Amino acid sequence: MKTPTLGLMLTILIAGNAAANESDMKDLSPTGKLRVGVVFAPTMSTFFVVKEADGKPRGVTVDLGETLAKRLNVPVEFVL
């Protein structure tokens, strides 16, 4: 199975309004949803996220994952 790279994900994000092609969508969301791995920590930083009171993650990687999922028009799931 081909694993999408961070470079591919960033290329799609940087492309702006350009629609993601079907090949990119299949590479990044073969199950129909984008799964984004995040790392929880006591304090937020560039790579670490914190949990809100309701358990929802918050941080830079969460923002990137949500933006990419929106561009791919698929739901996002954050995985610890």
N, C-alpha and C. Protein backbone atom coordinates (compact mmCIF):
# COMPACT_ATOMS: atom_id res chain seq x y z
N MET A 1 0.84 -1.17 0.00
CA MET A 1 0.00 0.00 0.00
C MET A 1 0.89 1.24 0.00
N LYS A 2 0.56 2.16 -0.85
CA LYS A 2 1.33 3.39 -0.95
C LYS A 2 0.94 4.34 0.17
N THR A 3 1.92 4.86 0.89
CA THR A 3 1.67 5.80 1.98
C THR A 3 1.88 7.21 1.47
N PRO A 4 0.85 8.08 1.60
CA PRO A 4 1.03 9.46 1.15
C PRO A 4 2.07 10.18 2.00
N THR A 5 2.76 11.08 1.38
CA THR A 5 3.81 11.80 2.09
C THR A 5 3.31 13.16 2.55
N LEU A 6 4.00 13.71 3.50
CA LEU A 6 3.71 15.06 3.98
C LEU A 6 3.83 16.05 2.83
N GLY A 7 4.78 15.82 1.95
CA GLY A 7 4.96 16.70 0.80
C GLY A 7 3.73 16.75 -0.09
N LEU A 8 3.10 15.60 -0.32
CA LEU A 8 1.88 15.56 -1.12
C LEU A 8 0.77 16.32 -0.42
N MET A 9 0.63 16.14 0.88
CA MET A 9 -0.40 16.84 1.63
C MET A 9 -0.17 18.35 1.59
N LEU A 10 1.06 18.78 1.78
CA LEU A 10 1.37 20.20 1.76
C LEU A 10 1.18 20.79 0.37
N THR A 11 1.50 20.02 -0.67
CA THR A 11 1.30 20.50 -2.04
C THR A 11 -0.16 20.80 -2.30
N ILE A 12 -1.04 19.93 -1.82
CA ILE A 12 -2.48 20.14 -2.01
C ILE A 12 -2.92 21.38 -1.25
N LEU A 13 -2.43 21.55 -0.02
CA LEU A 13 -2.81 22.73 0.76
C LEU A 13 -2.32 24.02 0.12
N ILE A 14 -1.09 24.02 -0.38
CA ILE A 14 -0.50 25.21 -0.96
C ILE A 14 -1.12 25.55 -2.31
N ALA A 15 -1.69 24.56 -2.98
CA ALA A 15 -2.26 24.78 -4.31
C ALA A 15 -3.40 25.78 -4.30
N GLY A 16 -3.87 26.17 -3.13
CA GLY A 16 -4.91 27.19 -3.04
C GLY A 16 -6.25 26.67 -3.49
N ASN A 17 -6.83 27.33 -4.46
CA ASN A 17 -8.17 27.00 -4.92
C ASN A 17 -8.20 25.86 -5.92
N ALA A 18 -7.06 25.36 -6.32
CA ALA A 18 -7.04 24.25 -7.27
C ALA A 18 -7.66 23.02 -6.62
N ALA A 19 -8.57 22.40 -7.32
CA ALA A 19 -9.24 21.21 -6.79
C ALA A 19 -8.27 20.04 -6.78
N ALA A 20 -8.37 19.24 -5.75
CA ALA A 20 -7.52 18.04 -5.65
C ALA A 20 -7.99 17.04 -6.70
N ASN A 21 -7.03 16.41 -7.37
CA ASN A 21 -7.46 15.43 -8.37
C ASN A 21 -7.83 14.11 -7.69
N GLU A 22 -8.50 13.27 -8.43
CA GLU A 22 -9.03 12.03 -7.86
C GLU A 22 -7.93 11.11 -7.34
N SER A 23 -6.78 11.11 -8.00
CA SER A 23 -5.66 10.27 -7.56
C SER A 23 -5.18 10.71 -6.17
N ASP A 24 -5.07 12.01 -5.95
CA ASP A 24 -4.65 12.52 -4.65
C ASP A 24 -5.66 12.13 -3.58
N MET A 25 -6.94 12.24 -3.91
CA MET A 25 -7.99 11.90 -2.94
C MET A 25 -7.90 10.43 -2.55
N LYS A 26 -7.65 9.55 -3.53
CA LYS A 26 -7.56 8.12 -3.24
C LYS A 26 -6.32 7.80 -2.41
N ASP A 27 -5.23 8.53 -2.67
CA ASP A 27 -4.00 8.31 -1.90
C ASP A 27 -4.16 8.76 -0.45
N LEU A 28 -4.82 9.90 -0.26
CA LEU A 28 -4.92 10.47 1.09
C LEU A 28 -6.12 9.98 1.89
N SER A 29 -7.15 9.53 1.21
CA SER A 29 -8.35 9.08 1.94
C SER A 29 -8.95 7.84 1.28
N PRO A 30 -8.22 6.72 1.29
CA PRO A 30 -8.72 5.51 0.62
C PRO A 30 -9.99 4.95 1.26
N THR A 31 -10.26 5.30 2.51
CA THR A 31 -11.46 4.80 3.19
C THR A 31 -12.62 5.78 3.11
N GLY A 32 -12.41 6.92 2.45
CA GLY A 32 -13.46 7.92 2.34
C GLY A 32 -13.38 8.99 3.42
N LYS A 33 -12.42 8.87 4.33
CA LYS A 33 -12.19 9.92 5.32
C LYS A 33 -10.68 10.10 5.48
N LEU A 34 -10.30 11.30 5.82
CA LEU A 34 -8.88 11.60 6.02
C LEU A 34 -8.53 11.33 7.47
N ARG A 35 -7.62 10.41 7.71
CA ARG A 35 -7.17 10.11 9.07
C ARG A 35 -5.85 10.86 9.29
N VAL A 36 -5.83 11.68 10.34
CA VAL A 36 -4.67 12.51 10.64
C VAL A 36 -4.11 12.10 12.00
N GLY A 37 -2.87 11.68 12.03
CA GLY A 37 -2.22 11.33 13.29
C GLY A 37 -1.76 12.58 14.01
N VAL A 38 -2.11 12.68 15.29
CA VAL A 38 -1.70 13.83 16.10
C VAL A 38 -1.08 13.31 17.40
N VAL A 39 -0.27 14.15 18.00
CA VAL A 39 0.39 13.80 19.26
C VAL A 39 -0.10 14.78 20.33
N PHE A 40 -0.71 14.24 21.37
CA PHE A 40 -1.18 15.07 22.47
C PHE A 40 -0.05 15.33 23.45
N ALA A 41 -0.04 16.53 24.01
CA ALA A 41 0.96 16.91 25.00
C ALA A 41 0.32 17.86 26.00
N PRO A 42 0.97 18.06 27.15
CA PRO A 42 0.40 18.99 28.15
C PRO A 42 0.32 20.43 27.65
N THR A 43 1.26 20.82 26.76
CA THR A 43 1.23 22.18 26.20
C THR A 43 1.31 22.09 24.68
N MET A 44 0.63 23.01 24.02
CA MET A 44 0.59 23.02 22.57
C MET A 44 1.88 23.60 22.01
N SER A 45 2.31 23.03 20.87
CA SER A 45 3.45 23.56 20.13
C SER A 45 3.18 23.31 18.65
N THR A 46 4.17 23.51 17.82
CA THR A 46 4.00 23.31 16.38
C THR A 46 3.55 21.90 16.05
N PHE A 47 4.08 20.91 16.74
CA PHE A 47 3.77 19.52 16.42
C PHE A 47 2.84 18.85 17.40
N PHE A 48 2.66 19.41 18.57
CA PHE A 48 1.83 18.79 19.60
C PHE A 48 0.51 19.52 19.75
N VAL A 49 -0.54 18.76 20.03
CA VAL A 49 -1.87 19.35 20.23
C VAL A 49 -2.30 19.14 21.67
N VAL A 50 -3.26 19.93 22.09
CA VAL A 50 -3.85 19.77 23.41
C VAL A 50 -5.31 19.37 23.22
N LYS A 51 -5.91 18.82 24.26
CA LYS A 51 -7.32 18.46 24.21
C LYS A 51 -8.14 19.55 24.88
N GLU A 52 -9.22 19.93 24.23
CA GLU A 52 -10.17 20.87 24.83
C GLU A 52 -10.94 20.13 25.91
N ALA A 53 -11.76 20.85 26.68
CA ALA A 53 -12.55 20.23 27.75
C ALA A 53 -13.48 19.15 27.20
N ASP A 54 -13.96 19.33 25.96
CA ASP A 54 -14.86 18.34 25.36
C ASP A 54 -14.11 17.19 24.69
N GLY A 55 -12.77 17.19 24.77
CA GLY A 55 -11.96 16.11 24.21
C GLY A 55 -11.49 16.37 22.79
N LYS A 56 -11.96 17.45 22.17
CA LYS A 56 -11.57 17.77 20.81
C LYS A 56 -10.14 18.29 20.78
N PRO A 57 -9.30 17.80 19.83
CA PRO A 57 -7.92 18.29 19.76
C PRO A 57 -7.86 19.69 19.18
N ARG A 58 -6.83 20.45 19.59
CA ARG A 58 -6.61 21.82 19.11
C ARG A 58 -5.12 22.03 18.91
N GLY A 59 -4.76 22.57 17.75
CA GLY A 59 -3.36 22.85 17.47
C GLY A 59 -3.11 23.01 15.98
N VAL A 60 -1.86 23.24 15.62
CA VAL A 60 -1.48 23.49 14.23
C VAL A 60 -1.79 22.29 13.35
N THR A 61 -1.43 21.08 13.79
CA THR A 61 -1.67 19.90 12.97
C THR A 61 -3.17 19.64 12.79
N VAL A 62 -3.97 20.00 13.77
CA VAL A 62 -5.42 19.88 13.66
C VAL A 62 -5.93 20.84 12.60
N ASP A 63 -5.44 22.07 12.64
CA ASP A 63 -5.85 23.06 11.63
C ASP A 63 -5.48 22.61 10.22
N LEU A 64 -4.27 22.07 10.06
CA LEU A 64 -3.84 21.59 8.75
C LEU A 64 -4.70 20.42 8.28
N GLY A 65 -4.98 19.49 9.18
CA GLY A 65 -5.80 18.33 8.84
C GLY A 65 -7.21 18.73 8.44
N GLU A 66 -7.81 19.66 9.18
CA GLU A 66 -9.16 20.12 8.86
C GLU A 66 -9.20 20.84 7.52
N THR A 67 -8.18 21.65 7.24
CA THR A 67 -8.12 22.37 5.97
C THR A 67 -7.96 21.40 4.81
N LEU A 68 -7.09 20.43 4.95
CA LEU A 68 -6.89 19.45 3.89
C LEU A 68 -8.15 18.63 3.66
N ALA A 69 -8.81 18.21 4.71
CA ALA A 69 -10.05 17.44 4.56
C ALA A 69 -11.11 18.27 3.84
N LYS A 70 -11.17 19.55 4.15
CA LYS A 70 -12.13 20.44 3.49
C LYS A 70 -11.83 20.53 1.99
N ARG A 71 -10.54 20.65 1.66
CA ARG A 71 -10.14 20.74 0.25
C ARG A 71 -10.43 19.43 -0.49
N LEU A 72 -10.29 18.30 0.21
CA LEU A 72 -10.57 17.00 -0.41
C LEU A 72 -12.06 16.67 -0.37
N ASN A 73 -12.82 17.48 0.37
CA ASN A 73 -14.25 17.27 0.54
C ASN A 73 -14.56 15.91 1.17
N VAL A 74 -13.80 15.58 2.22
CA VAL A 74 -14.01 14.34 2.97
C VAL A 74 -14.00 14.68 4.47
N PRO A 75 -14.63 13.83 5.28
CA PRO A 75 -14.55 14.06 6.72
C PRO A 75 -13.15 13.76 7.25
N VAL A 76 -12.84 14.33 8.42
CA VAL A 76 -11.52 14.12 9.02
C VAL A 76 -11.68 13.36 10.34
N GLU A 77 -10.71 12.48 10.61
CA GLU A 77 -10.67 11.76 11.88
C GLU A 77 -9.26 11.90 12.44
N PHE A 78 -9.18 12.38 13.69
CA PHE A 78 -7.87 12.53 14.32
C PHE A 78 -7.56 11.29 15.14
N VAL A 79 -6.35 10.78 14.96
CA VAL A 79 -5.91 9.55 15.62
C VAL A 79 -4.73 9.86 16.51
N LEU A 80 -4.79 9.40 17.75
CA LEU A 80 -3.70 9.61 18.69
C LEU A 80 -2.49 8.81 18.28
